[in-house]
Amino acid sequence: MFPADVLEDASRLLEILRAKRRFLATAESCTGGLVAGAITAIPGSSDAFFGGFVTYADDAKTGMIGVDADLIKHHGAVSEAVAHAMADGALRASGADLALSITGIAGPGGGSPHKPVGLVYIGTASVFDAPRVERHFFGDIGRDEVRLASLRAALRLLQEAAA
């Protein structure tokens, strides 16, 4: 189901988490649970993966992980501020040690000149380190490709954050 490189990255992430005795939670919007899916494709992932929140709608972001509705209204769901709040919210709601957030515009519609299709923010929050948000622009390469590129970038960022 997932490309070999994605499964290798997910497996490497789990090895790092196990070695550090840390648990991960995810909050995904434009990827719709792909990160959680890739991680749970690896046997034994439950010893390092708490679970994931698929917070596709704005109401899910506010209701499930506590993102402030005014933050979304002011910055938009696809923003650095919301990615940061999603990661923090997933960390708090799960009790995990490390959390990931992804919010973006996968397309084909929904983009604007200020926030074009292919814009994705990926964030981490941790009980051990400072939060981090990366801005990625993958371009209008197609919905599936934006989601796959986001998954790959997220797994790499998580490996760095977990280490």
N, C-alpha and C. Protein backbone atom coordinates (compact mmCIF):
# COMPACT_ATOMS: atom_id res chain seq x y z
N MET A 1 0.82 -1.19 0.00
CA MET A 1 0.00 0.00 0.00
C MET A 1 0.87 1.26 0.00
N PHE A 2 1.91 1.30 0.81
CA PHE A 2 2.82 2.45 0.86
C PHE A 2 4.10 2.11 0.12
N PRO A 3 4.75 3.10 -0.50
CA PRO A 3 6.03 2.86 -1.16
C PRO A 3 7.08 2.37 -0.16
N ALA A 4 8.05 1.62 -0.66
CA ALA A 4 9.08 1.02 0.20
C ALA A 4 9.83 2.08 1.01
N ASP A 5 10.15 3.23 0.42
CA ASP A 5 10.91 4.25 1.16
C ASP A 5 10.10 4.80 2.33
N VAL A 6 8.78 4.91 2.16
CA VAL A 6 7.92 5.39 3.25
C VAL A 6 7.92 4.39 4.40
N LEU A 7 7.80 3.11 4.07
CA LEU A 7 7.80 2.08 5.11
C LEU A 7 9.16 2.02 5.82
N GLU A 8 10.24 2.22 5.07
CA GLU A 8 11.58 2.25 5.70
C GLU A 8 11.68 3.43 6.66
N ASP A 9 11.19 4.60 6.24
CA ASP A 9 11.24 5.77 7.12
C ASP A 9 10.36 5.58 8.35
N ALA A 10 9.19 4.98 8.18
CA ALA A 10 8.30 4.72 9.33
C ALA A 10 8.95 3.74 10.29
N SER A 11 9.59 2.71 9.75
CA SER A 11 10.28 1.72 10.58
C SER A 11 11.44 2.35 11.34
N ARG A 12 12.20 3.20 10.66
CA ARG A 12 13.33 3.90 11.31
C ARG A 12 12.82 4.80 12.43
N LEU A 13 11.71 5.50 12.17
CA LEU A 13 11.12 6.35 13.20
C LEU A 13 10.74 5.53 14.43
N LEU A 14 10.09 4.40 14.22
CA LEU A 14 9.69 3.55 15.34
C LEU A 14 10.90 3.05 16.12
N GLU A 15 11.98 2.72 15.43
CA GLU A 15 13.20 2.29 16.12
C GLU A 15 13.72 3.39 17.04
N ILE A 16 13.71 4.63 16.55
CA ILE A 16 14.17 5.77 17.35
C ILE A 16 13.26 5.96 18.56
N LEU A 17 11.95 5.93 18.33
CA LEU A 17 11.00 6.11 19.42
C LEU A 17 11.15 5.02 20.48
N ARG A 18 11.29 3.78 20.04
CA ARG A 18 11.46 2.68 21.00
C ARG A 18 12.73 2.84 21.81
N ALA A 19 13.82 3.20 21.13
CA ALA A 19 15.11 3.36 21.83
C ALA A 19 15.03 4.46 22.88
N LYS A 20 14.26 5.50 22.61
CA LYS A 20 14.10 6.61 23.55
C LYS A 20 12.94 6.41 24.51
N ARG A 21 12.19 5.33 24.30
CA ARG A 21 10.99 5.04 25.11
C ARG A 21 9.99 6.19 25.07
N ARG A 22 9.70 6.62 23.84
CA ARG A 22 8.77 7.73 23.63
C ARG A 22 7.56 7.26 22.83
N PHE A 23 6.45 7.98 23.04
CA PHE A 23 5.21 7.72 22.31
C PHE A 23 4.87 8.91 21.43
N LEU A 24 4.33 8.61 20.27
CA LEU A 24 3.98 9.61 19.26
C LEU A 24 2.46 9.65 19.06
N ALA A 25 1.96 10.85 18.84
CA ALA A 25 0.58 11.06 18.41
C ALA A 25 0.60 11.95 17.18
N THR A 26 -0.40 11.84 16.33
CA THR A 26 -0.47 12.67 15.13
C THR A 26 -1.80 13.41 15.07
N ALA A 27 -1.77 14.58 14.42
CA ALA A 27 -2.96 15.35 14.10
C ALA A 27 -2.82 15.73 12.63
N GLU A 28 -3.63 15.11 11.79
CA GLU A 28 -3.49 15.28 10.35
C GLU A 28 -4.74 15.89 9.74
N SER A 29 -4.51 16.79 8.81
CA SER A 29 -5.61 17.37 8.06
C SER A 29 -5.52 16.92 6.61
N CYS A 30 -4.70 17.56 5.79
CA CYS A 30 -4.69 17.25 4.36
C CYS A 30 -4.23 15.83 4.04
N THR A 31 -3.51 15.20 4.92
CA THR A 31 -3.06 13.82 4.69
C THR A 31 -4.09 12.79 5.16
N GLY A 32 -5.09 13.22 5.89
CA GLY A 32 -6.20 12.35 6.25
C GLY A 32 -5.82 11.05 6.94
N GLY A 33 -4.73 11.04 7.69
CA GLY A 33 -4.34 9.85 8.43
C GLY A 33 -3.25 9.02 7.76
N LEU A 34 -2.66 9.52 6.68
CA LEU A 34 -1.61 8.75 6.00
C LEU A 34 -0.39 8.49 6.87
N VAL A 35 -0.02 9.47 7.69
CA VAL A 35 1.14 9.26 8.57
C VAL A 35 0.84 8.15 9.56
N ALA A 36 -0.32 8.22 10.18
CA ALA A 36 -0.72 7.16 11.11
C ALA A 36 -0.79 5.82 10.39
N GLY A 37 -1.30 5.82 9.18
CA GLY A 37 -1.40 4.59 8.40
C GLY A 37 -0.05 3.98 8.08
N ALA A 38 0.90 4.82 7.70
CA ALA A 38 2.24 4.32 7.39
C ALA A 38 2.92 3.76 8.63
N ILE A 39 2.75 4.43 9.76
CA ILE A 39 3.36 3.96 11.00
C ILE A 39 2.74 2.64 11.44
N THR A 40 1.42 2.55 11.36
CA THR A 40 0.76 1.33 11.82
C THR A 40 0.85 0.19 10.80
N ALA A 41 1.41 0.46 9.64
CA ALA A 41 1.69 -0.62 8.69
C ALA A 41 2.88 -1.46 9.16
N ILE A 42 3.64 -0.92 10.12
CA ILE A 42 4.80 -1.62 10.67
C ILE A 42 4.34 -2.45 11.86
N PRO A 43 4.57 -3.76 11.83
CA PRO A 43 4.17 -4.61 12.96
C PRO A 43 4.82 -4.14 14.27
N GLY A 44 4.05 -4.16 15.33
CA GLY A 44 4.56 -3.78 16.64
C GLY A 44 4.57 -2.30 16.90
N SER A 45 3.96 -1.51 16.02
CA SER A 45 4.00 -0.05 16.18
C SER A 45 3.29 0.44 17.44
N SER A 46 2.43 -0.38 18.00
CA SER A 46 1.67 0.07 19.17
C SER A 46 2.54 0.31 20.39
N ASP A 47 3.78 -0.17 20.38
CA ASP A 47 4.65 0.10 21.52
C ASP A 47 5.30 1.47 21.47
N ALA A 48 5.05 2.24 20.39
CA ALA A 48 5.60 3.59 20.30
C ALA A 48 4.62 4.59 19.69
N PHE A 49 3.49 4.13 19.21
CA PHE A 49 2.51 5.01 18.57
C PHE A 49 1.22 5.02 19.37
N PHE A 50 0.90 6.19 19.92
CA PHE A 50 -0.33 6.35 20.70
C PHE A 50 -1.56 6.26 19.81
N GLY A 51 -1.55 7.03 18.74
CA GLY A 51 -2.68 7.09 17.83
C GLY A 51 -2.72 8.42 17.12
N GLY A 52 -3.75 8.60 16.31
CA GLY A 52 -3.84 9.82 15.52
C GLY A 52 -5.21 10.43 15.52
N PHE A 53 -5.22 11.73 15.30
CA PHE A 53 -6.44 12.51 15.14
C PHE A 53 -6.49 12.95 13.68
N VAL A 54 -7.57 12.63 12.99
CA VAL A 54 -7.78 13.15 11.65
C VAL A 54 -8.71 14.35 11.81
N THR A 55 -8.11 15.53 11.75
CA THR A 55 -8.83 16.77 12.02
C THR A 55 -8.97 17.54 10.71
N TYR A 56 -9.72 16.97 9.81
CA TYR A 56 -9.86 17.53 8.47
C TYR A 56 -10.66 18.83 8.49
N ALA A 57 -11.79 18.83 9.15
CA ALA A 57 -12.63 20.03 9.24
C ALA A 57 -12.13 20.93 10.36
N ASP A 58 -12.40 22.23 10.20
CA ASP A 58 -12.02 23.18 11.25
C ASP A 58 -12.65 22.81 12.58
N ASP A 59 -13.91 22.37 12.56
CA ASP A 59 -14.59 21.98 13.80
C ASP A 59 -13.90 20.79 14.46
N ALA A 60 -13.29 19.91 13.68
CA ALA A 60 -12.54 18.79 14.25
C ALA A 60 -11.28 19.30 14.94
N LYS A 61 -10.64 20.27 14.34
CA LYS A 61 -9.44 20.85 14.95
C LYS A 61 -9.77 21.47 16.31
N THR A 62 -10.90 22.19 16.37
CA THR A 62 -11.27 22.82 17.63
C THR A 62 -11.82 21.81 18.63
N GLY A 63 -12.67 20.92 18.17
CA GLY A 63 -13.34 19.99 19.07
C GLY A 63 -12.49 18.84 19.56
N MET A 64 -11.65 18.30 18.70
CA MET A 64 -10.87 17.12 19.08
C MET A 64 -9.55 17.45 19.77
N ILE A 65 -8.88 18.52 19.32
CA ILE A 65 -7.56 18.80 19.88
C ILE A 65 -7.42 20.22 20.42
N GLY A 66 -8.53 20.95 20.49
CA GLY A 66 -8.54 22.23 21.19
C GLY A 66 -7.92 23.41 20.48
N VAL A 67 -7.82 23.37 19.15
CA VAL A 67 -7.31 24.55 18.44
C VAL A 67 -8.33 25.67 18.58
N ASP A 68 -7.87 26.84 18.93
CA ASP A 68 -8.75 28.00 19.12
C ASP A 68 -9.38 28.40 17.79
N ALA A 69 -10.70 28.48 17.77
CA ALA A 69 -11.42 28.84 16.55
C ALA A 69 -11.01 30.23 16.05
N ASP A 70 -10.70 31.14 16.95
CA ASP A 70 -10.27 32.47 16.54
C ASP A 70 -8.92 32.43 15.84
N LEU A 71 -8.06 31.50 16.23
CA LEU A 71 -6.78 31.33 15.57
C LEU A 71 -6.99 30.91 14.12
N ILE A 72 -7.89 29.97 13.91
CA ILE A 72 -8.21 29.52 12.56
C ILE A 72 -8.83 30.66 11.76
N LYS A 73 -9.74 31.39 12.38
CA LYS A 73 -10.41 32.50 11.70
C LYS A 73 -9.41 33.58 11.29
N HIS A 74 -8.46 33.88 12.17
CA HIS A 74 -7.48 34.96 11.91
C HIS A 74 -6.39 34.54 10.92
N HIS A 75 -5.85 33.32 11.07
CA HIS A 75 -4.71 32.88 10.25
C HIS A 75 -5.09 31.94 9.11
N GLY A 76 -6.26 31.30 9.22
CA GLY A 76 -6.64 30.27 8.27
C GLY A 76 -6.15 28.92 8.75
N ALA A 77 -6.88 27.86 8.35
CA ALA A 77 -6.51 26.51 8.80
C ALA A 77 -5.14 26.10 8.29
N VAL A 78 -4.75 26.62 7.13
CA VAL A 78 -3.44 26.30 6.57
C VAL A 78 -2.51 27.46 6.91
N SER A 79 -1.83 27.32 8.03
CA SER A 79 -0.94 28.38 8.52
C SER A 79 0.04 27.79 9.52
N GLU A 80 1.11 28.51 9.74
CA GLU A 80 2.09 28.11 10.73
C GLU A 80 1.47 28.08 12.12
N ALA A 81 0.67 29.10 12.42
CA ALA A 81 0.06 29.19 13.75
C ALA A 81 -0.85 28.00 14.04
N VAL A 82 -1.65 27.60 13.06
CA VAL A 82 -2.56 26.48 13.27
C VAL A 82 -1.79 25.16 13.32
N ALA A 83 -0.76 25.02 12.51
CA ALA A 83 0.07 23.81 12.59
C ALA A 83 0.69 23.67 13.98
N HIS A 84 1.15 24.77 14.52
CA HIS A 84 1.72 24.77 15.88
C HIS A 84 0.65 24.37 16.90
N ALA A 85 -0.53 24.98 16.79
CA ALA A 85 -1.61 24.69 17.74
C ALA A 85 -2.09 23.24 17.60
N MET A 86 -2.11 22.71 16.39
CA MET A 86 -2.52 21.32 16.19
C MET A 86 -1.54 20.37 16.88
N ALA A 87 -0.25 20.60 16.72
CA ALA A 87 0.76 19.74 17.35
C ALA A 87 0.64 19.82 18.87
N ASP A 88 0.50 21.04 19.40
CA ASP A 88 0.33 21.21 20.84
C ASP A 88 -0.94 20.52 21.33
N GLY A 89 -2.02 20.67 20.58
CA GLY A 89 -3.28 20.06 20.96
C GLY A 89 -3.22 18.54 20.96
N ALA A 90 -2.56 17.97 19.96
CA ALA A 90 -2.41 16.51 19.91
C ALA A 90 -1.56 16.02 21.07
N LEU A 91 -0.53 16.78 21.42
CA LEU A 91 0.33 16.41 22.54
C LEU A 91 -0.49 16.39 23.84
N ARG A 92 -1.25 17.44 24.07
CA ARG A 92 -2.07 17.54 25.29
C ARG A 92 -3.17 16.48 25.32
N ALA A 93 -3.87 16.32 24.21
CA ALA A 93 -5.02 15.40 24.18
C ALA A 93 -4.60 13.94 24.32
N SER A 94 -3.40 13.62 23.88
CA SER A 94 -2.95 12.23 23.88
C SER A 94 -2.13 11.85 25.10
N GLY A 95 -1.41 12.81 25.66
CA GLY A 95 -0.45 12.49 26.70
C GLY A 95 0.81 11.85 26.16
N ALA A 96 1.00 11.90 24.85
CA ALA A 96 2.22 11.36 24.24
C ALA A 96 3.41 12.27 24.53
N ASP A 97 4.60 11.79 24.15
CA ASP A 97 5.83 12.57 24.34
C ASP A 97 6.13 13.48 23.15
N LEU A 98 5.62 13.09 21.98
CA LEU A 98 5.91 13.78 20.73
C LEU A 98 4.64 13.78 19.90
N ALA A 99 4.36 14.91 19.26
CA ALA A 99 3.18 14.99 18.39
C ALA A 99 3.55 15.67 17.08
N LEU A 100 2.84 15.26 16.05
CA LEU A 100 3.02 15.80 14.71
C LEU A 100 1.72 16.44 14.26
N SER A 101 1.82 17.51 13.48
CA SER A 101 0.65 18.10 12.83
C SER A 101 0.95 18.31 11.36
N ILE A 102 -0.09 18.19 10.55
CA ILE A 102 0.01 18.50 9.12
C ILE A 102 -1.27 19.22 8.72
N THR A 103 -1.12 20.36 8.08
CA THR A 103 -2.24 21.08 7.51
C THR A 103 -1.79 21.69 6.19
N GLY A 104 -2.61 21.55 5.17
CA GLY A 104 -2.20 22.06 3.87
C GLY A 104 -3.32 22.03 2.85
N ILE A 105 -2.97 22.38 1.64
CA ILE A 105 -3.91 22.41 0.52
C ILE A 105 -3.41 21.42 -0.53
N ALA A 106 -4.05 20.27 -0.56
CA ALA A 106 -3.63 19.20 -1.48
C ALA A 106 -4.21 19.39 -2.88
N GLY A 107 -5.30 20.12 -3.02
CA GLY A 107 -5.89 20.38 -4.32
C GLY A 107 -6.91 19.33 -4.72
N PRO A 108 -7.42 19.39 -5.90
CA PRO A 108 -7.02 20.32 -6.95
C PRO A 108 -7.52 21.74 -6.74
N GLY A 109 -8.56 21.94 -5.96
CA GLY A 109 -9.06 23.29 -5.69
C GLY A 109 -8.64 23.73 -4.31
N GLY A 110 -9.16 24.88 -3.90
CA GLY A 110 -8.94 25.37 -2.55
C GLY A 110 -7.77 26.32 -2.39
N GLY A 111 -6.96 26.45 -3.41
CA GLY A 111 -5.81 27.33 -3.32
C GLY A 111 -6.17 28.77 -3.62
N SER A 112 -5.25 29.66 -3.33
CA SER A 112 -5.39 31.09 -3.62
C SER A 112 -4.00 31.62 -3.94
N PRO A 113 -3.90 32.84 -4.44
CA PRO A 113 -2.55 33.39 -4.69
C PRO A 113 -1.69 33.43 -3.43
N HIS A 114 -2.33 33.68 -2.28
CA HIS A 114 -1.58 33.76 -1.01
C HIS A 114 -1.28 32.37 -0.44
N LYS A 115 -2.19 31.44 -0.68
CA LYS A 115 -2.04 30.06 -0.19
C LYS A 115 -2.35 29.11 -1.34
N PRO A 116 -1.35 28.84 -2.17
CA PRO A 116 -1.59 28.02 -3.36
C PRO A 116 -1.69 26.52 -3.05
N VAL A 117 -2.28 25.81 -3.99
CA VAL A 117 -2.31 24.35 -3.91
C VAL A 117 -0.87 23.85 -3.78
N GLY A 118 -0.66 22.94 -2.87
CA GLY A 118 0.69 22.40 -2.63
C GLY A 118 1.38 22.99 -1.42
N LEU A 119 0.75 23.98 -0.77
CA LEU A 119 1.30 24.58 0.45
C LEU A 119 0.93 23.71 1.64
N VAL A 120 1.93 23.32 2.42
CA VAL A 120 1.71 22.43 3.56
C VAL A 120 2.58 22.89 4.72
N TYR A 121 2.01 22.90 5.91
CA TYR A 121 2.75 23.17 7.14
C TYR A 121 2.79 21.88 7.95
N ILE A 122 3.99 21.52 8.40
CA ILE A 122 4.18 20.32 9.21
C ILE A 122 4.85 20.74 10.51
N GLY A 123 4.24 20.38 11.62
CA GLY A 123 4.76 20.80 12.91
C GLY A 123 4.98 19.66 13.87
N THR A 124 5.83 19.90 14.84
CA THR A 124 6.04 18.96 15.93
C THR A 124 5.96 19.70 17.26
N ALA A 125 5.52 18.98 18.26
CA ALA A 125 5.55 19.45 19.64
C ALA A 125 6.04 18.28 20.48
N SER A 126 6.79 18.60 21.52
CA SER A 126 7.39 17.56 22.33
C SER A 126 7.50 18.02 23.77
N VAL A 127 7.46 17.06 24.68
CA VAL A 127 7.68 17.39 26.09
C VAL A 127 9.17 17.61 26.36
N PHE A 128 10.03 17.28 25.40
CA PHE A 128 11.47 17.37 25.60
C PHE A 128 12.14 18.52 24.86
N ASP A 129 11.54 18.99 23.77
CA ASP A 129 12.19 19.99 22.92
C ASP A 129 11.22 21.11 22.54
N ALA A 130 11.77 22.16 21.97
CA ALA A 130 10.96 23.28 21.50
C ALA A 130 10.11 22.85 20.29
N PRO A 131 8.95 23.43 20.13
CA PRO A 131 8.12 23.12 18.98
C PRO A 131 8.78 23.60 17.69
N ARG A 132 8.35 23.00 16.61
CA ARG A 132 8.93 23.34 15.31
C ARG A 132 7.83 23.23 14.25
N VAL A 133 7.82 24.17 13.31
CA VAL A 133 6.91 24.11 12.17
C VAL A 133 7.71 24.39 10.91
N GLU A 134 7.54 23.53 9.93
CA GLU A 134 8.17 23.70 8.63
C GLU A 134 7.11 24.06 7.59
N ARG A 135 7.46 24.99 6.73
CA ARG A 135 6.60 25.35 5.60
C ARG A 135 7.15 24.64 4.36
N HIS A 136 6.28 23.92 3.67
CA HIS A 136 6.67 23.24 2.43
C HIS A 136 5.76 23.72 1.31
N PHE A 137 6.34 23.88 0.15
CA PHE A 137 5.54 24.14 -1.04
C PHE A 137 5.92 23.10 -2.08
N PHE A 138 5.02 22.17 -2.29
CA PHE A 138 5.27 21.06 -3.22
C PHE A 138 4.80 21.38 -4.63
N GLY A 139 4.05 22.45 -4.79
CA GLY A 139 3.52 22.83 -6.09
C GLY A 139 2.23 22.10 -6.40
N ASP A 140 1.64 22.48 -7.51
CA ASP A 140 0.38 21.88 -7.94
C ASP A 140 0.70 20.61 -8.73
N ILE A 141 1.13 19.58 -8.00
CA ILE A 141 1.61 18.32 -8.61
C ILE A 141 0.56 17.23 -8.59
N GLY A 142 -0.63 17.56 -8.13
CA GLY A 142 -1.71 16.58 -8.02
C GLY A 142 -1.95 16.22 -6.56
N ARG A 143 -3.19 15.97 -6.24
CA ARG A 143 -3.61 15.72 -4.86
C ARG A 143 -2.83 14.57 -4.22
N ASP A 144 -2.78 13.44 -4.89
CA ASP A 144 -2.09 12.28 -4.31
C ASP A 144 -0.61 12.55 -4.09
N GLU A 145 0.01 13.25 -5.03
CA GLU A 145 1.44 13.54 -4.91
C GLU A 145 1.74 14.54 -3.79
N VAL A 146 0.87 15.53 -3.60
CA VAL A 146 1.04 16.47 -2.49
C VAL A 146 0.94 15.71 -1.16
N ARG A 147 -0.04 14.83 -1.07
CA ARG A 147 -0.23 14.06 0.16
C ARG A 147 0.96 13.13 0.42
N LEU A 148 1.47 12.49 -0.62
CA LEU A 148 2.62 11.60 -0.47
C LEU A 148 3.89 12.38 -0.11
N ALA A 149 4.08 13.53 -0.74
CA ALA A 149 5.24 14.37 -0.41
C ALA A 149 5.15 14.84 1.04
N SER A 150 3.95 15.16 1.49
CA SER A 150 3.74 15.59 2.88
C SER A 150 4.06 14.45 3.84
N LEU A 151 3.63 13.26 3.50
CA LEU A 151 3.92 12.07 4.33
C LEU A 151 5.42 11.87 4.45
N ARG A 152 6.12 11.93 3.34
CA ARG A 152 7.58 11.74 3.37
C ARG A 152 8.27 12.82 4.21
N ALA A 153 7.87 14.06 4.02
CA ALA A 153 8.47 15.16 4.79
C ALA A 153 8.16 15.01 6.28
N ALA A 154 6.96 14.57 6.60
CA ALA A 154 6.57 14.40 8.00
C ALA A 154 7.39 13.31 8.67
N LEU A 155 7.60 12.20 7.99
CA LEU A 155 8.38 11.11 8.59
C LEU A 155 9.83 11.54 8.82
N ARG A 156 10.38 12.31 7.90
CA ARG A 156 11.76 12.81 8.08
C ARG A 156 11.83 13.78 9.26
N LEU A 157 10.85 14.70 9.34
CA LEU A 157 10.83 15.65 10.46
C LEU A 157 10.66 14.92 11.79
N LEU A 158 9.81 13.91 11.81
CA LEU A 158 9.61 13.14 13.03
C LEU A 158 10.87 12.42 13.47
N GLN A 159 11.62 11.88 12.53
CA GLN A 159 12.88 11.22 12.89
C GLN A 159 13.83 12.20 13.56
N GLU A 160 13.92 13.41 13.02
CA GLU A 160 14.77 14.44 13.63
C GLU A 160 14.27 14.81 15.02
N ALA A 161 12.96 15.01 15.14
CA ALA A 161 12.38 15.41 16.42
C ALA A 161 12.50 14.30 17.47
N ALA A 162 12.38 13.06 17.05
CA ALA A 162 12.46 11.94 17.99
C ALA A 162 13.89 11.70 18.47
N ALA A 163 14.84 11.98 17.62
CA ALA A 163 16.24 11.76 17.96
C ALA A 163 16.70 12.79 18.97
